[in-house]
């Protein structure tokens, strides 16, 4: 009986020690880390549109297609733009011919004027014609450059490696300038924006180590570091910022966006980390 009591006492002592160790470890972890589940994966996203209007002749990609930088996504009818380019190029050649004649005449008049063979008025006329045609050539060269750009804009290309997230164009559509055609997600990098409570950011600084768990990828741990803290809370730039001057003030704990750089990502990781996924973020602050 005494032995049984001794064993119970020993077990209780060991259990108390283990519990104390667990409490200490848990307390240390809570003291040295801050966490939030109010975080999302972010990426460079944009809507691709056309810089020229026209009829869509071809659409060469579908939603969720992986594309390379410079890959043609769609083509607009280029006949009008090519005709305009040829016309301005012809005008440029004609202007150059006239300019060369005026240049030759100007130099000849300059020599004759020095020898007092021609009058000052004839010399001034030749010089004015030469300078005017020179400016005209420069102006038409600019028109040719713009026409070349407009012709090139009939091909809508991917700005970088990425994925087509949305397609809003079909062959035969007449599109105006600036109409969104493709939703595009860049595949060069991913980062996390975590919204921490204002009471938790005192020790969050640039360079602090971060661990990230993504809800959509259970069992996969990601690592990162704090890149920057927003200079304002999320409420400041909301659609309807709170107005506390009405007298009906209720204190609400604000959230501060923290940008976290993800480290050591592979191309496969980037493809799996879709923009907008929810994440759990833990920052070691001590």
Protein backbone atom coordinates (compact mmCIF):
# COMPACT_ATOMS: atom_id res chain seq x y z
CA UNK A 1 0.00 0.00 0.00
CA UNK A 2 2.81 2.35 0.87
CA UNK A 3 4.53 1.44 -2.38
CA UNK A 4 1.34 2.22 -4.35
CA UNK A 5 1.03 5.60 -2.67
CA UNK A 6 4.69 6.29 -3.42
CA UNK A 7 4.20 5.45 -7.08
CA UNK A 8 1.11 7.69 -7.27
CA UNK A 9 3.03 10.51 -5.67
CA UNK A 10 5.88 9.98 -8.12
CA UNK A 11 3.50 9.96 -11.10
CA UNK A 12 1.77 13.11 -9.86
CA UNK A 13 5.13 14.80 -9.37
CA UNK A 14 6.26 13.89 -12.88
CA UNK A 15 2.89 14.96 -14.28
CA UNK A 16 3.17 18.30 -12.47
CA UNK A 17 6.68 18.83 -13.85
CA UNK A 18 5.52 18.00 -17.40
CA UNK A 19 2.53 20.32 -17.04
CA UNK A 20 4.78 23.09 -15.78
CA UNK A 21 7.15 22.60 -18.71
CA UNK A 22 4.23 22.67 -21.15
CA UNK A 23 2.89 25.86 -19.56
CA UNK A 24 6.32 27.49 -19.70
CA UNK A 25 6.81 26.50 -23.35
CA UNK A 26 3.32 27.65 -24.27
CA UNK A 27 3.80 30.92 -22.40
CA UNK A 28 7.16 31.53 -24.02
CA UNK A 29 5.69 30.84 -27.46
CA UNK A 30 2.79 33.23 -26.85
CA UNK A 31 5.23 35.88 -25.59
CA UNK A 32 7.66 35.52 -28.50
CA UNK A 33 5.19 35.09 -31.40
CA UNK A 34 2.14 36.86 -32.77
CA UNK A 35 -0.30 35.17 -35.14
CA UNK A 36 -3.27 35.98 -37.31
CA UNK A 37 -5.53 34.11 -39.69
CA UNK A 38 -6.57 37.37 -41.37
CA UNK A 39 -4.09 37.03 -44.23
CA UNK A 40 -4.19 36.41 -47.96
CA UNK A 41 -1.79 35.40 -50.72
CA UNK A 42 -1.13 38.28 -53.11
CA UNK A 43 0.25 38.45 -56.65
CA UNK A 44 0.66 40.99 -59.42
CA UNK A 45 -2.74 40.98 -61.13
CA UNK A 46 -3.96 43.24 -63.90
CA UNK A 47 -6.56 43.57 -66.63
CA UNK A 48 -5.08 43.58 -70.11
CA UNK A 49 -6.77 45.87 -72.62
CA UNK A 50 -6.18 47.11 -76.15
CA UNK A 51 -4.50 50.41 -76.98
CA UNK A 52 -6.34 50.58 -80.31
CA UNK A 53 -9.93 49.95 -81.33
CA UNK A 54 -11.06 47.47 -83.96
CA UNK A 55 -12.54 44.07 -84.74
CA UNK A 56 -11.06 41.08 -82.93
CA UNK A 57 -9.85 38.58 -85.54
CA UNK A 58 -8.31 35.90 -83.31
CA UNK A 59 -8.28 34.91 -79.65
CA UNK A 60 -5.37 32.55 -79.09
CA UNK A 61 -5.72 31.62 -75.41
CA UNK A 62 -8.33 30.33 -72.99
CA UNK A 63 -8.92 30.86 -69.30
CA UNK A 64 -6.31 29.23 -67.02
CA UNK A 65 -3.76 28.96 -69.84
CA UNK A 66 -0.13 29.44 -68.84
CA UNK A 67 1.51 32.02 -71.11
CA UNK A 68 5.03 33.32 -71.70
CA UNK A 69 6.22 36.91 -71.85
CA UNK A 70 5.52 38.39 -75.27
CA UNK A 71 3.11 35.62 -76.29
CA UNK A 72 0.30 36.86 -78.54
CA UNK A 73 -3.06 36.52 -76.77
CA UNK A 74 -5.36 38.08 -79.39
CA UNK A 75 -5.20 39.91 -82.72
CA UNK A 76 -7.21 42.88 -83.91
CA UNK A 77 -7.85 43.57 -87.61
CA UNK A 78 -4.73 45.49 -88.68
CA UNK A 79 -5.67 46.47 -92.26
CA UNK A 80 -6.57 50.08 -91.45
CA UNK A 81 -3.47 50.55 -89.31
CA UNK A 82 -1.16 49.01 -91.93
CA UNK A 83 -2.68 51.25 -94.62
CA UNK A 84 -2.15 54.29 -92.43
CA UNK A 85 1.45 53.23 -91.89
CA UNK A 86 2.11 52.86 -95.61
CA UNK A 87 0.54 56.25 -96.29
CA UNK A 88 2.68 58.05 -93.71
CA UNK A 89 5.80 56.24 -94.94
CA UNK A 90 5.06 57.46 -98.49
CA UNK A 91 4.55 61.01 -97.20
CA UNK A 92 7.87 60.76 -95.40
CA UNK A 93 9.73 59.69 -98.54
CA UNK A 94 8.18 62.57 -100.49
CA UNK A 95 9.09 65.04 -97.76
CA UNK A 96 12.67 63.73 -97.67
CA UNK A 97 13.06 64.26 -101.42
CA UNK A 98 11.83 67.85 -101.13
CA UNK A 99 14.05 68.40 -98.12
CA UNK A 100 17.16 67.17 -99.94
CA UNK A 101 16.40 69.53 -102.87
CA UNK A 102 15.85 72.42 -100.45
CA UNK A 103 19.08 71.57 -98.64
CA UNK A 104 21.06 71.56 -101.86
CA UNK A 105 19.49 74.85 -102.93
CA UNK A 106 20.16 76.40 -99.53
CA UNK A 107 23.86 75.54 -99.62
CA UNK A 108 24.13 76.82 -103.19
CA UNK A 109 22.40 80.07 -102.26
CA UNK A 110 24.68 80.42 -99.26
CA UNK A 111 27.78 80.26 -101.47
CA UNK A 112 26.30 82.62 -104.02
CA UNK A 113 25.25 85.06 -101.31
CA UNK A 114 28.79 85.15 -99.94
CA UNK A 115 29.93 86.11 -103.43
CA UNK A 116 27.15 88.74 -103.65
CA UNK A 117 25.66 86.98 -106.68
CA UNK A 118 22.16 86.64 -105.17
CA UNK A 119 20.20 89.02 -102.95
CA UNK A 120 19.61 88.67 -99.23
CA UNK A 121 15.93 87.99 -99.88
CA UNK A 122 16.73 85.02 -102.14
CA UNK A 123 19.08 83.62 -99.52
CA UNK A 124 16.51 84.07 -96.72
CA UNK A 125 13.81 82.37 -98.81
CA UNK A 126 16.06 79.38 -99.49
CA UNK A 127 16.96 79.13 -95.79
CA UNK A 128 13.33 79.38 -94.66
CA UNK A 129 12.27 76.66 -97.12
CA UNK A 130 15.12 74.40 -95.96
CA UNK A 131 14.24 74.78 -92.26
CA UNK A 132 10.51 74.39 -92.85
CA UNK A 133 10.99 71.16 -94.81
CA UNK A 134 13.39 69.89 -92.14
CA UNK A 135 10.68 70.37 -89.49
CA UNK A 136 8.13 68.70 -91.74
CA UNK A 137 10.37 65.64 -92.12
CA UNK A 138 10.76 65.42 -88.34
CA UNK A 139 6.99 65.72 -87.86
CA UNK A 140 6.21 63.00 -90.41
CA UNK A 141 8.86 60.75 -88.85
CA UNK A 142 6.94 61.05 -85.59
CA UNK A 143 3.72 60.16 -87.44
CA UNK A 144 5.40 57.10 -88.93
CA UNK A 145 6.63 56.01 -85.50
CA UNK A 146 3.11 56.39 -84.09
CA UNK A 147 1.62 54.48 -87.02
CA UNK A 148 4.12 51.67 -86.42
CA UNK A 149 3.11 51.58 -82.76
CA UNK A 150 -0.59 51.48 -83.63
CA UNK A 151 0.04 48.61 -86.05
CA UNK A 152 1.96 46.71 -83.36
CA UNK A 153 -0.82 47.30 -80.83
CA UNK A 154 -3.16 45.15 -82.93
CA UNK A 155 -1.41 42.19 -81.29
CA UNK A 156 -2.24 41.97 -77.58
CA UNK A 157 0.69 40.29 -75.84
CA UNK A 158 1.42 38.94 -72.38
CA UNK A 159 3.49 41.47 -70.39
CA UNK A 160 5.35 38.70 -68.52
CA UNK A 161 5.13 35.01 -67.69
CA UNK A 162 1.79 34.29 -66.08
CA UNK A 163 -1.67 32.77 -66.26
CA UNK A 164 -4.85 33.95 -67.96
CA UNK A 165 -7.35 34.11 -65.09
CA UNK A 166 -10.25 35.58 -67.07
CA UNK A 167 -11.15 36.04 -70.74
CA UNK A 168 -13.71 38.63 -71.80
CA UNK A 169 -13.22 38.70 -75.56
CA UNK A 170 -14.30 36.60 -78.52
CA UNK A 171 -13.52 36.77 -82.26
CA UNK A 172 -15.76 39.23 -84.08
CA UNK A 173 -16.19 41.61 -81.18
CA UNK A 174 -15.69 45.31 -81.86
CA UNK A 175 -13.64 46.63 -78.97
CA UNK A 176 -12.91 50.25 -78.01
CA UNK A 177 -9.63 51.49 -76.60
CA UNK A 178 -9.15 50.49 -72.96
CA UNK A 179 -11.82 47.79 -72.74
CA UNK A 180 -10.62 45.01 -70.36
CA UNK A 181 -10.04 41.81 -72.33
CA UNK A 182 -7.98 39.47 -70.14
CA UNK A 183 -7.50 39.07 -66.42
CA UNK A 184 -3.81 38.28 -65.98
CA UNK A 185 -1.87 36.94 -62.98
CA UNK A 186 1.90 37.29 -63.05
CA UNK A 187 3.89 34.19 -62.05
CA UNK A 188 7.14 35.84 -61.01
CA UNK A 189 6.42 36.17 -57.29
CA UNK A 190 3.95 35.79 -54.46
CA UNK A 191 3.68 37.55 -51.11
CA UNK A 192 1.31 37.68 -48.15
CA UNK A 193 -0.59 40.61 -46.70
CA UNK A 194 -1.47 39.88 -43.08
CA UNK A 195 -3.75 42.17 -41.08
CA UNK A 196 -2.54 42.30 -37.47
CA UNK A 197 -4.34 44.01 -34.61
CA UNK A 198 -2.89 47.35 -33.62
CA UNK A 199 -2.10 45.84 -30.21
CA UNK A 200 0.14 43.20 -31.85
CA UNK A 201 2.43 45.26 -34.08
CA UNK A 202 4.68 46.86 -31.45
CA UNK A 203 7.47 44.34 -32.07
CA UNK A 204 6.79 43.50 -35.72
CA UNK A 205 9.69 44.93 -37.71
CA UNK A 206 11.21 44.55 -41.14
CA UNK A 207 13.26 41.35 -41.41
CA UNK A 208 11.42 39.40 -38.70
CA UNK A 209 11.04 35.71 -39.56
CA UNK A 210 7.59 34.44 -40.47
CA UNK A 211 5.99 31.02 -40.87
CA UNK A 212 2.93 30.67 -43.12
CA UNK A 213 0.32 27.95 -43.46
CA UNK A 214 -2.08 28.11 -46.41
CA UNK A 215 -5.54 26.64 -45.92
CA UNK A 216 -5.62 25.23 -49.46
CA UNK A 217 -2.28 23.42 -49.00
CA UNK A 218 -2.48 21.49 -45.72
CA UNK A 219 0.78 20.04 -44.49
CA UNK A 220 2.90 22.47 -46.52
CA UNK A 221 4.89 25.02 -44.53
CA UNK A 222 6.13 28.25 -46.10
CA UNK A 223 8.71 30.63 -44.74
CA UNK A 224 9.10 34.35 -45.17
CA UNK A 225 10.13 37.60 -43.60
CA UNK A 226 8.45 40.89 -42.86
CA UNK A 227 9.06 43.25 -45.76
CA UNK A 228 7.11 46.32 -44.65
CA UNK A 229 4.29 47.67 -42.50
CA UNK A 230 1.55 49.85 -43.91
CA UNK A 231 1.69 53.51 -42.83
CA UNK A 232 -2.07 53.39 -42.14
CA UNK A 233 -4.73 51.01 -40.92
CA UNK A 234 -6.97 49.25 -43.38
CA UNK A 235 -9.94 51.43 -42.43
CA UNK A 236 -8.29 54.64 -43.65
CA UNK A 237 -8.59 53.72 -47.33
CA UNK A 238 -11.88 51.85 -47.11
CA UNK A 239 -14.80 52.93 -49.29
CA UNK A 240 -16.50 54.58 -46.29
CA UNK A 241 -13.84 55.53 -43.71
CA UNK A 242 -15.24 55.74 -40.17
CA UNK A 243 -16.19 59.21 -38.99
CA UNK A 244 -15.65 59.52 -35.26
CA UNK A 245 -16.65 63.18 -35.06
CA UNK A 246 -20.38 62.44 -34.73
CA UNK A 247 -20.26 61.82 -30.98
CA UNK A 248 -21.24 58.16 -31.35
CA UNK A 249 -17.70 56.90 -30.88
CA UNK A 250 -17.12 53.22 -30.19
CA UNK A 251 -13.55 52.08 -29.97
CA UNK A 252 -12.75 49.28 -32.41
CA UNK A 253 -9.39 47.54 -32.53
CA UNK A 254 -7.90 48.47 -35.90
CA UNK A 255 -5.98 46.20 -38.25
CA UNK A 256 -2.62 47.14 -39.79
CA UNK A 257 -1.60 45.45 -43.09
CA UNK A 258 1.85 43.84 -42.97
CA UNK A 259 3.52 42.76 -46.21
CA UNK A 260 5.42 39.48 -45.92
CA UNK A 261 7.89 38.26 -48.53
CA UNK A 262 7.73 34.53 -49.22
CA UNK A 263 11.15 32.89 -49.40
CA UNK A 264 12.53 29.93 -51.37
CA UNK A 265 9.47 29.43 -53.56
CA UNK A 266 9.71 26.98 -56.44
CA UNK A 267 7.82 27.49 -59.73
CA UNK A 268 5.45 24.73 -58.59
CA UNK A 269 4.82 26.58 -55.31
CA UNK A 270 3.99 29.78 -57.20
CA UNK A 271 1.49 27.96 -59.41
CA UNK A 272 -0.24 26.46 -56.35
CA UNK A 273 -0.37 29.76 -54.44
CA UNK A 274 -3.30 31.39 -56.18
CA UNK A 275 -3.88 35.04 -55.44
CA UNK A 276 -6.50 35.52 -52.72
CA UNK A 277 -5.97 32.24 -50.84
CA UNK A 278 -6.38 32.46 -47.06
CA UNK A 279 -3.32 31.95 -44.88
CA UNK A 280 -2.33 31.68 -41.23
CA UNK A 281 0.69 33.80 -40.37
CA UNK A 282 2.96 33.61 -37.34
CA UNK A 283 5.71 36.22 -36.78
CA UNK A 284 8.51 35.63 -34.32
CA UNK A 285 8.90 39.00 -32.64
CA UNK A 286 11.43 38.09 -29.91
